[in-house]
N, C-alpha and C. Protein backbone atom coordinates (compact mmCIF):
# COMPACT_ATOMS: atom_id res chain seq x y z
N MET A 1 0.37 3.44 14.90
CA MET A 1 1.68 3.02 14.46
C MET A 1 2.25 4.09 13.52
N ILE A 2 3.07 4.91 14.09
CA ILE A 2 3.59 6.06 13.36
C ILE A 2 4.49 5.65 12.20
N TYR A 3 5.16 4.51 12.31
CA TYR A 3 6.06 4.11 11.23
C TYR A 3 5.30 3.86 9.92
N LYS A 4 4.04 3.40 10.01
CA LYS A 4 3.24 3.19 8.81
C LYS A 4 2.91 4.53 8.15
N SER A 5 2.60 5.52 8.97
CA SER A 5 2.32 6.86 8.45
C SER A 5 3.56 7.44 7.78
N ILE A 6 4.70 7.24 8.40
CA ILE A 6 5.96 7.74 7.83
C ILE A 6 6.26 7.00 6.52
N ALA A 7 6.02 5.70 6.49
CA ALA A 7 6.25 4.93 5.26
C ALA A 7 5.36 5.45 4.13
N ASP A 8 4.10 5.76 4.44
CA ASP A 8 3.19 6.31 3.42
C ASP A 8 3.68 7.67 2.93
N ARG A 9 4.14 8.50 3.85
CA ARG A 9 4.65 9.82 3.44
C ARG A 9 5.91 9.69 2.59
N LEU A 10 6.78 8.76 2.97
CA LEU A 10 7.99 8.53 2.17
C LEU A 10 7.63 7.97 0.79
N ARG A 11 6.63 7.09 0.74
CA ARG A 11 6.19 6.53 -0.54
C ARG A 11 5.73 7.64 -1.48
N LEU A 12 4.97 8.59 -0.94
CA LEU A 12 4.52 9.72 -1.76
C LEU A 12 5.70 10.54 -2.26
N ARG A 13 6.69 10.73 -1.40
CA ARG A 13 7.88 11.47 -1.82
C ARG A 13 8.66 10.71 -2.89
N LEU A 14 8.71 9.39 -2.75
CA LEU A 14 9.42 8.58 -3.76
C LEU A 14 8.75 8.71 -5.12
N ASN A 15 7.43 8.84 -5.12
CA ASN A 15 6.69 8.96 -6.38
C ASN A 15 6.80 10.34 -7.00
N SER A 16 7.20 11.32 -6.22
CA SER A 16 7.31 12.68 -6.74
C SER A 16 8.59 12.81 -7.57
N SER A 17 8.81 13.99 -8.07
CA SER A 17 10.01 14.23 -8.87
C SER A 17 11.25 14.43 -7.99
N ASP A 18 11.08 14.37 -6.66
CA ASP A 18 12.23 14.52 -5.75
C ASP A 18 13.23 13.37 -5.90
N PHE A 19 12.73 12.19 -6.25
CA PHE A 19 13.57 11.01 -6.34
C PHE A 19 13.42 10.33 -7.69
N GLU A 20 14.52 9.82 -8.21
CA GLU A 20 14.51 9.01 -9.42
C GLU A 20 14.89 7.59 -9.04
N VAL A 21 14.53 6.63 -9.88
CA VAL A 21 14.92 5.25 -9.63
C VAL A 21 16.45 5.18 -9.58
N GLY A 22 16.98 4.55 -8.54
CA GLY A 22 18.42 4.44 -8.36
C GLY A 22 19.02 5.49 -7.46
N SER A 23 18.25 6.54 -7.15
CA SER A 23 18.79 7.59 -6.29
C SER A 23 18.72 7.17 -4.82
N PRO A 24 19.66 7.65 -4.00
CA PRO A 24 19.69 7.27 -2.59
C PRO A 24 18.67 8.04 -1.76
N LEU A 25 18.16 7.38 -0.73
CA LEU A 25 17.32 8.06 0.26
C LEU A 25 18.24 8.76 1.25
N PRO A 26 17.76 9.80 1.91
CA PRO A 26 18.56 10.37 3.00
C PRO A 26 18.82 9.29 4.06
N GLY A 27 19.86 9.46 4.84
CA GLY A 27 20.19 8.49 5.88
C GLY A 27 19.14 8.42 6.97
N GLU A 28 19.16 7.33 7.73
CA GLU A 28 18.18 7.14 8.80
C GLU A 28 18.23 8.27 9.81
N LYS A 29 19.44 8.72 10.15
CA LYS A 29 19.58 9.80 11.14
C LYS A 29 18.91 11.08 10.65
N LYS A 30 19.14 11.42 9.39
CA LYS A 30 18.54 12.64 8.82
C LYS A 30 17.02 12.52 8.77
N LEU A 31 16.50 11.35 8.35
CA LEU A 31 15.05 11.15 8.30
C LEU A 31 14.44 11.19 9.69
N ALA A 32 15.15 10.62 10.67
CA ALA A 32 14.65 10.65 12.06
C ALA A 32 14.53 12.08 12.55
N GLU A 33 15.50 12.91 12.23
CA GLU A 33 15.44 14.33 12.62
C GLU A 33 14.29 15.03 11.89
N GLU A 34 14.15 14.75 10.60
CA GLU A 34 13.10 15.38 9.80
C GLU A 34 11.70 15.06 10.33
N PHE A 35 11.47 13.79 10.70
CA PHE A 35 10.15 13.38 11.18
C PHE A 35 10.00 13.50 12.69
N GLY A 36 11.08 13.80 13.39
CA GLY A 36 11.01 13.96 14.84
C GLY A 36 10.75 12.66 15.58
N VAL A 37 11.35 11.57 15.09
CA VAL A 37 11.16 10.25 15.70
C VAL A 37 12.52 9.59 15.89
N ALA A 38 12.51 8.44 16.55
CA ALA A 38 13.74 7.67 16.75
C ALA A 38 14.15 6.97 15.45
N ARG A 39 15.45 6.67 15.34
CA ARG A 39 15.95 5.97 14.15
C ARG A 39 15.28 4.62 13.97
N MET A 40 14.93 3.96 15.07
CA MET A 40 14.27 2.66 14.98
C MET A 40 12.92 2.78 14.28
N THR A 41 12.21 3.88 14.51
CA THR A 41 10.93 4.11 13.84
C THR A 41 11.14 4.28 12.34
N ILE A 42 12.18 5.03 11.98
CA ILE A 42 12.51 5.21 10.56
C ILE A 42 12.90 3.87 9.94
N ARG A 43 13.66 3.08 10.69
CA ARG A 43 14.08 1.77 10.17
C ARG A 43 12.86 0.89 9.88
N LYS A 44 11.86 0.91 10.77
CA LYS A 44 10.63 0.13 10.53
C LYS A 44 9.87 0.65 9.31
N ALA A 45 9.84 1.97 9.13
CA ALA A 45 9.18 2.56 7.96
C ALA A 45 9.90 2.13 6.68
N ILE A 46 11.22 2.14 6.71
CA ILE A 46 11.99 1.72 5.54
C ILE A 46 11.81 0.23 5.29
N ASP A 47 11.68 -0.55 6.37
CA ASP A 47 11.39 -1.99 6.21
C ASP A 47 10.11 -2.20 5.40
N LEU A 48 9.10 -1.36 5.65
CA LEU A 48 7.86 -1.46 4.88
C LEU A 48 8.10 -1.13 3.41
N LEU A 49 8.88 -0.08 3.15
CA LEU A 49 9.19 0.30 1.77
C LEU A 49 9.94 -0.83 1.06
N VAL A 50 10.83 -1.50 1.79
CA VAL A 50 11.55 -2.65 1.23
C VAL A 50 10.57 -3.77 0.93
N ALA A 51 9.65 -4.05 1.86
CA ALA A 51 8.66 -5.11 1.66
C ALA A 51 7.76 -4.80 0.47
N TRP A 52 7.47 -3.53 0.24
CA TRP A 52 6.65 -3.12 -0.90
C TRP A 52 7.44 -3.13 -2.21
N GLY A 53 8.76 -3.33 -2.12
CA GLY A 53 9.59 -3.38 -3.31
C GLY A 53 9.94 -2.01 -3.87
N LEU A 54 9.76 -0.97 -3.06
CA LEU A 54 10.02 0.39 -3.54
C LEU A 54 11.46 0.82 -3.36
N VAL A 55 12.13 0.28 -2.36
CA VAL A 55 13.53 0.62 -2.10
C VAL A 55 14.32 -0.66 -1.84
N VAL A 56 15.63 -0.56 -2.01
CA VAL A 56 16.53 -1.66 -1.67
C VAL A 56 17.62 -1.13 -0.76
N ARG A 57 18.02 -1.97 0.18
CA ARG A 57 19.13 -1.62 1.07
C ARG A 57 20.40 -2.25 0.52
N ARG A 58 21.47 -1.47 0.50
CA ARG A 58 22.78 -1.98 0.10
C ARG A 58 23.69 -1.83 1.31
N HIS A 59 24.10 -2.96 1.85
CA HIS A 59 24.91 -2.97 3.07
C HIS A 59 26.13 -2.07 2.92
N GLY A 60 26.28 -1.15 3.85
CA GLY A 60 27.41 -0.24 3.85
C GLY A 60 27.30 0.92 2.87
N SER A 61 26.22 0.95 2.09
CA SER A 61 26.08 1.99 1.07
C SER A 61 24.86 2.86 1.29
N GLY A 62 23.76 2.28 1.76
CA GLY A 62 22.55 3.06 1.98
C GLY A 62 21.32 2.41 1.40
N THR A 63 20.26 3.19 1.31
CA THR A 63 18.97 2.73 0.78
C THR A 63 18.68 3.49 -0.50
N TYR A 64 18.26 2.76 -1.53
CA TYR A 64 18.07 3.35 -2.85
C TYR A 64 16.67 3.07 -3.39
N VAL A 65 16.18 3.99 -4.21
CA VAL A 65 14.87 3.83 -4.84
C VAL A 65 14.96 2.70 -5.86
N ALA A 66 14.10 1.68 -5.70
CA ALA A 66 14.09 0.54 -6.62
C ALA A 66 13.12 0.78 -7.77
N ARG A 67 11.97 1.38 -7.46
CA ARG A 67 10.96 1.65 -8.49
C ARG A 67 9.97 2.66 -7.94
N LYS A 68 9.24 3.27 -8.86
CA LYS A 68 8.15 4.16 -8.47
C LYS A 68 6.93 3.31 -8.18
N ASP A 69 6.10 3.77 -7.27
CA ASP A 69 4.89 3.04 -6.89
C ASP A 69 3.72 3.61 -7.67
N LEU A 70 3.68 3.36 -8.98
CA LEU A 70 2.65 3.94 -9.83
C LEU A 70 1.26 3.43 -9.50
N HIS A 71 1.18 2.22 -8.95
CA HIS A 71 -0.13 1.66 -8.59
C HIS A 71 -0.82 2.51 -7.52
N HIS A 72 -0.06 3.06 -6.59
CA HIS A 72 -0.66 3.82 -5.50
C HIS A 72 -0.66 5.32 -5.71
N GLU A 73 -0.05 5.78 -6.78
CA GLU A 73 0.06 7.22 -7.00
C GLU A 73 -1.31 7.83 -7.26
N THR A 74 -1.68 8.81 -6.45
CA THR A 74 -2.97 9.46 -6.62
C THR A 74 -2.85 10.97 -6.77
N THR A 75 -1.65 11.50 -6.59
CA THR A 75 -1.50 12.95 -6.67
C THR A 75 -1.52 13.45 -8.10
N ASN A 76 -1.19 12.59 -9.05
CA ASN A 76 -1.12 13.01 -10.44
C ASN A 76 -1.73 11.91 -11.30
N LEU A 77 -3.05 11.89 -11.39
CA LEU A 77 -3.73 10.81 -12.08
C LEU A 77 -3.49 10.86 -13.58
N THR A 78 -3.12 9.72 -14.14
CA THR A 78 -2.89 9.61 -15.57
C THR A 78 -3.53 8.32 -16.07
N GLY A 79 -3.70 8.22 -17.35
CA GLY A 79 -4.28 7.02 -17.94
C GLY A 79 -3.27 5.88 -17.98
N LEU A 80 -3.79 4.67 -18.13
CA LEU A 80 -2.94 3.48 -18.16
C LEU A 80 -1.92 3.56 -19.29
N ALA A 81 -2.34 3.99 -20.47
CA ALA A 81 -1.43 4.06 -21.61
C ALA A 81 -0.26 4.99 -21.31
N GLU A 82 -0.54 6.12 -20.70
CA GLU A 82 0.53 7.07 -20.38
C GLU A 82 1.49 6.50 -19.33
N VAL A 83 0.95 5.83 -18.33
CA VAL A 83 1.78 5.21 -17.30
C VAL A 83 2.71 4.18 -17.92
N LEU A 84 2.17 3.34 -18.81
CA LEU A 84 2.98 2.31 -19.46
C LEU A 84 4.05 2.93 -20.36
N ARG A 85 3.70 4.00 -21.07
CA ARG A 85 4.69 4.67 -21.93
C ARG A 85 5.83 5.24 -21.09
N LYS A 86 5.49 5.82 -19.91
CA LYS A 86 6.53 6.36 -19.03
C LYS A 86 7.47 5.26 -18.54
N GLN A 87 6.97 4.02 -18.49
CA GLN A 87 7.80 2.89 -18.09
C GLN A 87 8.58 2.34 -19.27
N GLY A 88 8.45 2.97 -20.43
CA GLY A 88 9.18 2.55 -21.61
C GLY A 88 8.54 1.41 -22.38
N LYS A 89 7.29 1.13 -22.09
CA LYS A 89 6.59 0.04 -22.77
C LYS A 89 5.85 0.58 -24.00
N GLU A 90 5.72 -0.27 -25.01
CA GLU A 90 4.97 0.10 -26.20
C GLU A 90 3.49 -0.18 -25.95
N VAL A 91 2.65 0.78 -26.29
CA VAL A 91 1.21 0.64 -26.08
C VAL A 91 0.52 0.59 -27.43
N ILE A 92 -0.27 -0.45 -27.64
CA ILE A 92 -1.01 -0.61 -28.89
C ILE A 92 -2.48 -0.80 -28.54
N SER A 93 -3.35 -0.06 -29.20
CA SER A 93 -4.79 -0.21 -29.01
C SER A 93 -5.41 -0.63 -30.33
N ARG A 94 -6.40 -1.51 -30.24
CA ARG A 94 -7.13 -1.88 -31.45
C ARG A 94 -8.56 -2.23 -31.06
N VAL A 95 -9.46 -1.98 -31.98
CA VAL A 95 -10.88 -2.29 -31.78
C VAL A 95 -11.08 -3.76 -32.13
N LEU A 96 -11.58 -4.54 -31.17
CA LEU A 96 -11.83 -5.96 -31.41
C LEU A 96 -13.23 -6.19 -31.94
N VAL A 97 -14.20 -5.46 -31.38
CA VAL A 97 -15.59 -5.61 -31.80
C VAL A 97 -16.22 -4.23 -31.77
N PHE A 98 -16.94 -3.89 -32.82
CA PHE A 98 -17.69 -2.64 -32.83
C PHE A 98 -19.09 -2.98 -33.31
N GLU A 99 -20.06 -2.87 -32.41
CA GLU A 99 -21.42 -3.24 -32.78
C GLU A 99 -22.43 -2.35 -32.07
N VAL A 100 -23.58 -2.21 -32.65
CA VAL A 100 -24.67 -1.43 -32.07
C VAL A 100 -25.42 -2.33 -31.09
N MET A 101 -25.74 -1.79 -29.93
CA MET A 101 -26.47 -2.53 -28.91
C MET A 101 -27.90 -2.01 -28.90
N PRO A 102 -28.84 -2.68 -29.54
CA PRO A 102 -30.19 -2.14 -29.75
C PRO A 102 -31.11 -2.15 -28.53
N ALA A 103 -30.91 -2.99 -27.56
CA ALA A 103 -31.90 -3.15 -26.49
C ALA A 103 -31.45 -2.57 -25.15
N LEU A 104 -30.71 -1.49 -25.16
CA LEU A 104 -30.22 -0.92 -23.91
C LEU A 104 -31.21 0.04 -23.25
N ARG A 105 -32.25 0.45 -23.98
CA ARG A 105 -33.26 1.38 -23.47
C ARG A 105 -32.64 2.69 -22.97
N LEU A 106 -31.77 3.25 -23.76
CA LEU A 106 -31.12 4.51 -23.44
C LEU A 106 -31.91 5.65 -24.05
N SER A 107 -31.75 6.83 -23.45
CA SER A 107 -32.37 8.00 -24.06
C SER A 107 -31.64 8.30 -25.36
N PRO A 108 -32.27 9.02 -26.29
CA PRO A 108 -31.62 9.32 -27.58
C PRO A 108 -30.31 10.09 -27.42
N ALA A 109 -30.11 10.78 -26.29
CA ALA A 109 -28.89 11.56 -26.09
C ALA A 109 -27.70 10.69 -25.68
N CYS A 110 -27.95 9.44 -25.30
CA CYS A 110 -26.88 8.56 -24.80
C CYS A 110 -26.28 7.72 -25.92
N CYS A 111 -25.02 7.40 -25.73
CA CYS A 111 -24.32 6.49 -26.64
C CYS A 111 -23.85 5.30 -25.82
N GLY A 112 -23.87 4.11 -26.39
CA GLY A 112 -23.40 2.93 -25.68
C GLY A 112 -22.24 2.29 -26.41
N TYR A 113 -21.23 1.88 -25.66
CA TYR A 113 -20.06 1.23 -26.23
C TYR A 113 -19.83 -0.07 -25.48
N LYS A 114 -19.56 -1.13 -26.18
CA LYS A 114 -19.26 -2.42 -25.57
C LYS A 114 -17.75 -2.61 -25.61
N LEU A 115 -17.12 -2.66 -24.45
CA LEU A 115 -15.69 -2.84 -24.35
C LEU A 115 -15.43 -4.26 -23.87
N MET A 116 -14.68 -5.02 -24.63
CA MET A 116 -14.49 -6.43 -24.31
C MET A 116 -13.04 -6.75 -24.01
N ASN A 117 -12.86 -7.73 -23.15
CA ASN A 117 -11.54 -8.29 -22.88
C ASN A 117 -11.02 -8.90 -24.18
N GLY A 118 -9.76 -8.69 -24.49
CA GLY A 118 -9.21 -9.17 -25.75
C GLY A 118 -9.08 -10.68 -25.87
N SER A 119 -9.13 -11.41 -24.76
CA SER A 119 -8.92 -12.85 -24.84
C SER A 119 -10.16 -13.62 -25.27
N THR A 120 -11.32 -13.23 -24.79
CA THR A 120 -12.55 -13.93 -25.14
C THR A 120 -13.76 -13.06 -24.85
N SER A 121 -14.79 -13.22 -25.65
CA SER A 121 -15.99 -12.41 -25.43
C SER A 121 -16.76 -12.87 -24.20
N ARG A 122 -16.49 -14.07 -23.71
CA ARG A 122 -17.19 -14.55 -22.52
C ARG A 122 -16.55 -14.07 -21.22
N ALA A 123 -15.40 -13.42 -21.31
CA ALA A 123 -14.70 -12.97 -20.11
C ALA A 123 -15.39 -11.79 -19.45
N GLY A 124 -16.33 -11.18 -20.12
CA GLY A 124 -17.04 -10.04 -19.55
C GLY A 124 -16.83 -8.81 -20.39
N CYS A 125 -17.59 -7.79 -20.10
CA CYS A 125 -17.45 -6.54 -20.84
C CYS A 125 -17.84 -5.40 -19.93
N ALA A 126 -17.52 -4.21 -20.34
CA ALA A 126 -17.92 -3.01 -19.61
C ALA A 126 -18.75 -2.16 -20.55
N MET A 127 -19.90 -1.73 -20.09
CA MET A 127 -20.74 -0.85 -20.90
C MET A 127 -20.51 0.57 -20.40
N SER A 128 -20.27 1.46 -21.31
CA SER A 128 -20.03 2.84 -20.93
C SER A 128 -20.95 3.74 -21.74
N MET A 129 -21.79 4.50 -21.04
CA MET A 129 -22.68 5.44 -21.70
C MET A 129 -22.19 6.84 -21.35
N ALA A 130 -21.94 7.65 -22.37
CA ALA A 130 -21.43 8.98 -22.09
C ALA A 130 -21.93 9.98 -23.12
N SER A 131 -22.44 11.06 -22.65
CA SER A 131 -22.82 12.20 -23.49
C SER A 131 -23.02 13.38 -22.56
N ARG A 132 -23.51 14.48 -23.09
CA ARG A 132 -23.74 15.65 -22.24
C ARG A 132 -24.79 15.40 -21.18
N SER A 133 -25.80 14.63 -21.52
CA SER A 133 -26.90 14.43 -20.58
C SER A 133 -26.87 13.08 -19.88
N CYS A 134 -25.96 12.21 -20.25
CA CYS A 134 -25.94 10.85 -19.70
C CYS A 134 -24.50 10.46 -19.40
N SER A 135 -24.22 10.08 -18.19
CA SER A 135 -22.89 9.62 -17.83
C SER A 135 -23.03 8.45 -16.88
N LYS A 136 -22.98 7.23 -17.40
CA LYS A 136 -23.13 6.02 -16.59
C LYS A 136 -22.13 4.98 -17.06
N THR A 137 -21.73 4.12 -16.16
CA THR A 137 -20.92 2.98 -16.52
C THR A 137 -21.50 1.76 -15.83
N ALA A 138 -21.66 0.67 -16.55
CA ALA A 138 -22.20 -0.56 -15.98
C ALA A 138 -21.32 -1.72 -16.41
N ILE A 139 -21.10 -2.65 -15.51
CA ILE A 139 -20.34 -3.85 -15.84
C ILE A 139 -21.33 -4.94 -16.18
N CYS A 140 -21.09 -5.65 -17.28
CA CYS A 140 -21.98 -6.74 -17.66
C CYS A 140 -21.18 -8.02 -17.85
N ARG A 141 -21.84 -9.13 -17.77
CA ARG A 141 -21.19 -10.44 -17.94
C ARG A 141 -21.95 -11.24 -18.97
């Protein structure tokens, strides 16, 4: 199904600096020429982008970028805090619990950190061991 491949390629272009939120997509005819397919194939690809919430169609006006697909962006990996800041959100970090974990049986070169969900300590935690000689991550409950 070539339209899915075209939709994925268009999604990557939407996430690049080529397009900003609110900017128009090229017309179906131009995209069909660019990809070497029929306009109906382009229309199906755009239907997928609409279903994903990435673009909106305005009758008689064209198709416009509704939002960036940051969830699927893999070409330029960034941290969650940076992604949220780019969306104009305020990011606050705070340490909820800081404690030594004595029974992890780690080598002396390893450090262990207990990262907990902010709502409750029973929701689970992630253990992260990182140093020059040790790089492991384990999920615990």
